[in-house]
Amino acid sequence: MDPNITVVTLGVSDLDESIRFYRDGLGFPLRDRDPDSDIAFFTLDGTWLALYPWDLLAEDATVPSDATVPPAERGFSGVTIAHNVAEKSEVDAALEEAKAAGGEIVKPAQDVFWGGYSGYFADPDGHLWEVAFPQLTDE
C-alpha cells in the first residue's frame, strides 16, 4: 500500500453547519457539489477533506451509531487531524480563526514536550484538530 492519505472523511451531525464552518469560517475550498448531495468535499494541499452525515458514515462502515447522542457526548474517537504551520505565531492565529468560525478551543496553544508549540480546537461535531509548529532541530 502506498503511504499516502487521499481523503479524510468526518461524520457530521449537520452537513450545512459543517460546510459553513470549513468553507466560510476556515476558508477551505469547497469543490462543486449538488446542493441536495449528502457529501461535501474540500480540496486541500495533498488530500481532500470530506464531510458526510454521521449516521450514513457509520452505516457505510457497518459500525453502530446513535445519531441521537450529541457529538460532545459520543466520547473521543481516538482520531485527530493535524495542521502544521511554518511559524509559532501561526498556531495562535489558526486557533483564533477556528474559534471565530464557531469552533471550540480544547487546548490553548503552548510549548509541548516534543519541542514544538501546539494547541487543539474542535469543529462543531467535536472532531479534534491539532495546530502545530513542529520546531524541528538538527541533531
C-alpha atoms as a PDB file:
ATOM      1  CA  MET A   1       0.000   0.000   0.000  1.00  0.00           C
ATOM      2  CA  ASP A   2       1.289   3.470  -0.885  1.00  0.00           C
ATOM      3  CA  PRO A   3       1.970   5.632   2.186  1.00  0.00           C
ATOM      4  CA  ASN A   4      -0.437   8.479   1.483  1.00  0.00           C
ATOM      5  CA  ILE A   5      -3.842   9.649   2.605  1.00  0.00           C
ATOM      6  CA  THR A   6      -6.138  10.838  -0.154  1.00  0.00           C
ATOM      7  CA  VAL A   7      -9.341  11.626   1.766  1.00  0.00           C
ATOM      8  CA  VAL A   8     -10.190  12.207   5.419  1.00  0.00           C
ATOM      9  CA  THR A   9     -13.946  11.821   5.954  1.00  0.00           C
ATOM     10  CA  LEU A  10     -15.617  13.276   9.025  1.00  0.00           C
ATOM     11  CA  GLY A  11     -19.035  12.121  10.170  1.00  0.00           C
ATOM     12  CA  VAL A  12     -21.042  15.264  10.949  1.00  0.00           C
ATOM     13  CA  SER A  13     -24.388  15.915  12.594  1.00  0.00           C
ATOM     14  CA  ASP A  14     -25.361  18.939  10.468  1.00  0.00           C
ATOM     15  CA  LEU A  15     -23.851  18.981   6.973  1.00  0.00           C
ATOM     16  CA  ASP A  16     -24.802  22.592   6.213  1.00  0.00           C
ATOM     17  CA  GLU A  17     -23.363  23.865   9.514  1.00  0.00           C
ATOM     18  CA  SER A  18     -20.143  21.922   8.924  1.00  0.00           C
ATOM     19  CA  ILE A  19     -19.843  23.251   5.368  1.00  0.00           C
ATOM     20  CA  ARG A  20     -20.207  26.808   6.716  1.00  0.00           C
ATOM     21  CA  PHE A  21     -17.557  26.127   9.387  1.00  0.00           C
ATOM     22  CA  TYR A  22     -14.956  24.751   6.968  1.00  0.00           C
ATOM     23  CA  ARG A  23     -15.777  26.910   3.913  1.00  0.00           C
ATOM     24  CA  ASP A  24     -16.786  30.249   5.415  1.00  0.00           C
ATOM     25  CA  GLY A  25     -15.026  30.071   8.773  1.00  0.00           C
ATOM     26  CA  LEU A  26     -11.729  28.394   7.903  1.00  0.00           C
ATOM     27  CA  GLY A  27     -11.653  29.272   4.199  1.00  0.00           C
ATOM     28  CA  PHE A  28     -11.296  25.706   2.913  1.00  0.00           C
ATOM     29  CA  PRO A  29     -12.075  25.487  -0.828  1.00  0.00           C
ATOM     30  CA  LEU A  30     -15.338  23.581  -1.355  1.00  0.00           C
ATOM     31  CA  ARG A  31     -15.499  21.526  -4.528  1.00  0.00           C
ATOM     32  CA  ASP A  32     -18.568  21.965  -6.722  1.00  0.00           C
ATOM     33  CA  ARG A  33     -21.458  19.914  -5.388  1.00  0.00           C
ATOM     34  CA  ASP A  34     -25.135  19.313  -5.923  1.00  0.00           C
ATOM     35  CA  PRO A  35     -26.942  21.202  -3.115  1.00  0.00           C
ATOM     36  CA  ASP A  36     -29.023  18.065  -2.423  1.00  0.00           C
ATOM     37  CA  SER A  37     -25.944  15.845  -2.068  1.00  0.00           C
ATOM     38  CA  ASP A  38     -25.246  14.128   1.254  1.00  0.00           C
ATOM     39  CA  ILE A  39     -21.489  14.733   0.957  1.00  0.00           C
ATOM     40  CA  ALA A  40     -19.158  17.699   0.602  1.00  0.00           C
ATOM     41  CA  PHE A  41     -15.519  17.654  -0.491  1.00  0.00           C
ATOM     42  CA  PHE A  42     -12.831  20.252   0.191  1.00  0.00           C
ATOM     43  CA  THR A  43      -9.621  20.215  -1.832  1.00  0.00           C
ATOM     44  CA  LEU A  44      -6.641  20.616   0.482  1.00  0.00           C
ATOM     45  CA  ASP A  45      -2.932  20.553  -0.286  1.00  0.00           C
ATOM     46  CA  GLY A  46      -2.162  16.887  -0.879  1.00  0.00           C
ATOM     47  CA  THR A  47      -5.518  15.447   0.233  1.00  0.00           C
ATOM     48  CA  TRP A  48      -9.258  16.012   0.386  1.00  0.00           C
ATOM     49  CA  LEU A  49     -11.492  16.541   3.390  1.00  0.00           C
ATOM     50  CA  ALA A  50     -14.965  15.006   3.079  1.00  0.00           C
ATOM     51  CA  LEU A  51     -17.983  15.739   5.282  1.00  0.00           C
ATOM     52  CA  TYR A  52     -20.730  13.115   5.421  1.00  0.00           C
ATOM     53  CA  PRO A  53     -23.654  12.668   7.829  1.00  0.00           C
ATOM     54  CA  TRP A  54     -22.551  10.780  10.961  1.00  0.00           C
ATOM     55  CA  ASP A  55     -25.245   8.097  10.720  1.00  0.00           C
ATOM     56  CA  LEU A  56     -24.664   7.471   6.999  1.00  0.00           C
ATOM     57  CA  LEU A  57     -20.906   7.212   7.532  1.00  0.00           C
ATOM     58  CA  ALA A  58     -21.442   4.702  10.347  1.00  0.00           C
ATOM     59  CA  GLU A  59     -23.845   2.746   8.130  1.00  0.00           C
ATOM     60  CA  ASP A  60     -21.345   2.756   5.259  1.00  0.00           C
ATOM     61  CA  ALA A  61     -18.606   1.472   7.573  1.00  0.00           C
ATOM     62  CA  THR A  62     -21.062  -1.044   9.087  1.00  0.00           C
ATOM     63  CA  VAL A  63     -20.476   0.191  12.645  1.00  0.00           C
ATOM     64  CA  PRO A  64     -23.145   1.050  15.224  1.00  0.00           C
ATOM     65  CA  SER A  65     -24.172   4.671  15.531  1.00  0.00           C
ATOM     66  CA  ASP A  66     -26.577   6.556  17.715  1.00  0.00           C
ATOM     67  CA  ALA A  67     -27.121   9.870  15.956  1.00  0.00           C
ATOM     68  CA  THR A  68     -29.443  10.967  18.777  1.00  0.00           C
ATOM     69  CA  VAL A  69     -26.455  11.307  21.129  1.00  0.00           C
ATOM     70  CA  PRO A  70     -24.948  14.821  20.898  1.00  0.00           C
ATOM     71  CA  PRO A  71     -21.400  14.889  19.420  1.00  0.00           C
ATOM     72  CA  ALA A  72     -19.828  16.078  22.672  1.00  0.00           C
ATOM     73  CA  GLU A  73     -21.266  13.050  24.498  1.00  0.00           C
ATOM     74  CA  ARG A  74     -20.062  10.452  21.975  1.00  0.00           C
ATOM     75  CA  GLY A  75     -16.598  10.428  23.518  1.00  0.00           C
ATOM     76  CA  PHE A  76     -13.190  10.663  21.968  1.00  0.00           C
ATOM     77  CA  SER A  77     -12.978   8.607  18.789  1.00  0.00           C
ATOM     78  CA  GLY A  78      -9.204   8.244  19.008  1.00  0.00           C
ATOM     79  CA  VAL A  79      -8.681  10.317  15.854  1.00  0.00           C
ATOM     80  CA  THR A  80      -7.218  13.794  15.478  1.00  0.00           C
ATOM     81  CA  ILE A  81      -6.308  15.759  12.387  1.00  0.00           C
ATOM     82  CA  ALA A  82      -3.091  17.772  12.382  1.00  0.00           C
ATOM     83  CA  HIS A  83      -2.323  21.020  10.608  1.00  0.00           C
ATOM     84  CA  ASN A  84       1.319  22.098  10.758  1.00  0.00           C
ATOM     85  CA  VAL A  85       2.322  25.721  10.270  1.00  0.00           C
ATOM     86  CA  ALA A  86       5.643  27.394   9.476  1.00  0.00           C
ATOM     87  CA  GLU A  87       5.755  29.911  12.355  1.00  0.00           C
ATOM     88  CA  LYS A  88       4.881  29.691  16.041  1.00  0.00           C
ATOM     89  CA  SER A  89       2.576  32.734  15.795  1.00  0.00           C
ATOM     90  CA  GLU A  90       0.529  30.957  13.116  1.00  0.00           C
ATOM     91  CA  VAL A  91      -0.630  28.406  15.713  1.00  0.00           C
ATOM     92  CA  ASP A  92      -2.332  31.111  17.772  1.00  0.00           C
ATOM     93  CA  ALA A  93      -3.782  32.734  14.647  1.00  0.00           C
ATOM     94  CA  ALA A  94      -5.230  29.446  13.344  1.00  0.00           C
ATOM     95  CA  LEU A  95      -6.806  28.633  16.712  1.00  0.00           C
ATOM     96  CA  GLU A  96      -8.401  32.093  16.858  1.00  0.00           C
ATOM     97  CA  GLU A  97      -9.674  31.663  13.297  1.00  0.00           C
ATOM     98  CA  ALA A  98     -11.294  28.351  14.252  1.00  0.00           C
ATOM     99  CA  LYS A  99     -12.840  29.921  17.363  1.00  0.00           C
ATOM    100  CA  ALA A 100     -14.236  32.832  15.351  1.00  0.00           C
ATOM    101  CA  ALA A 101     -15.745  30.319  12.911  1.00  0.00           C
ATOM    102  CA  GLY A 102     -17.635  28.570  15.711  1.00  0.00           C
ATOM    103  CA  GLY A 103     -15.061  26.019  16.815  1.00  0.00           C
ATOM    104  CA  GLU A 104     -14.078  25.400  20.419  1.00  0.00           C
ATOM    105  CA  ILE A 105     -10.526  25.736  21.725  1.00  0.00           C
ATOM    106  CA  VAL A 106      -9.886  22.437  23.509  1.00  0.00           C
ATOM    107  CA  LYS A 107      -6.232  23.001  24.409  1.00  0.00           C
ATOM    108  CA  PRO A 108      -4.791  26.512  24.168  1.00  0.00           C
ATOM    109  CA  ALA A 109      -1.532  26.852  22.264  1.00  0.00           C
ATOM    110  CA  GLN A 110       1.512  26.048  24.391  1.00  0.00           C
ATOM    111  CA  ASP A 111       5.048  24.710  24.285  1.00  0.00           C
ATOM    112  CA  VAL A 112       4.841  20.906  24.175  1.00  0.00           C
ATOM    113  CA  PHE A 113       7.017  18.051  25.380  1.00  0.00           C
ATOM    114  CA  TRP A 114       8.256  17.122  21.910  1.00  0.00           C
ATOM    115  CA  GLY A 115       9.829  20.551  21.407  1.00  0.00           C
ATOM    116  CA  GLY A 116       7.180  22.282  19.349  1.00  0.00           C
ATOM    117  CA  TYR A 117       4.235  24.562  20.034  1.00  0.00           C
ATOM    118  CA  SER A 118       0.670  23.406  19.530  1.00  0.00           C
ATOM    119  CA  GLY A 119      -2.968  23.627  20.527  1.00  0.00           C
ATOM    120  CA  TYR A 120      -6.224  21.881  19.692  1.00  0.00           C
ATOM    121  CA  PHE A 121      -9.645  23.009  18.528  1.00  0.00           C
ATOM    122  CA  ALA A 122     -12.846  21.050  17.960  1.00  0.00           C
ATOM    123  CA  ASP A 123     -15.126  21.624  14.989  1.00  0.00           C
ATOM    124  CA  PRO A 124     -18.923  21.811  15.521  1.00  0.00           C
ATOM    125  CA  ASP A 125     -19.092  17.985  15.729  1.00  0.00           C
ATOM    126  CA  GLY A 126     -16.222  17.641  18.178  1.00  0.00           C
ATOM    127  CA  HIS A 127     -13.598  16.457  15.655  1.00  0.00           C
ATOM    128  CA  LEU A 128     -10.225  17.430  17.091  1.00  0.00           C
ATOM    129  CA  TRP A 129      -7.680  19.364  15.082  1.00  0.00           C
ATOM    130  CA  GLU A 130      -4.168  19.959  16.332  1.00  0.00           C
ATOM    131  CA  VAL A 131      -2.470  23.077  15.018  1.00  0.00           C
ATOM    132  CA  ALA A 132       1.279  22.718  15.468  1.00  0.00           C
ATOM    133  CA  PHE A 133       4.545  24.472  14.869  1.00  0.00           C
ATOM    134  CA  PRO A 134       6.904  21.472  14.857  1.00  0.00           C
ATOM    135  CA  GLN A 135      10.032  23.340  15.888  1.00  0.00           C
ATOM    136  CA  LEU A 136      12.446  20.812  14.427  1.00  0.00           C
ATOM    137  CA  THR A 137      16.072  20.900  15.464  1.00  0.00           C
ATOM    138  CA  ASP A 138      19.124  19.391  13.820  1.00  0.00           C
ATOM    139  CA  GLU A 139      20.661  16.677  15.950  1.00  0.00           C
END
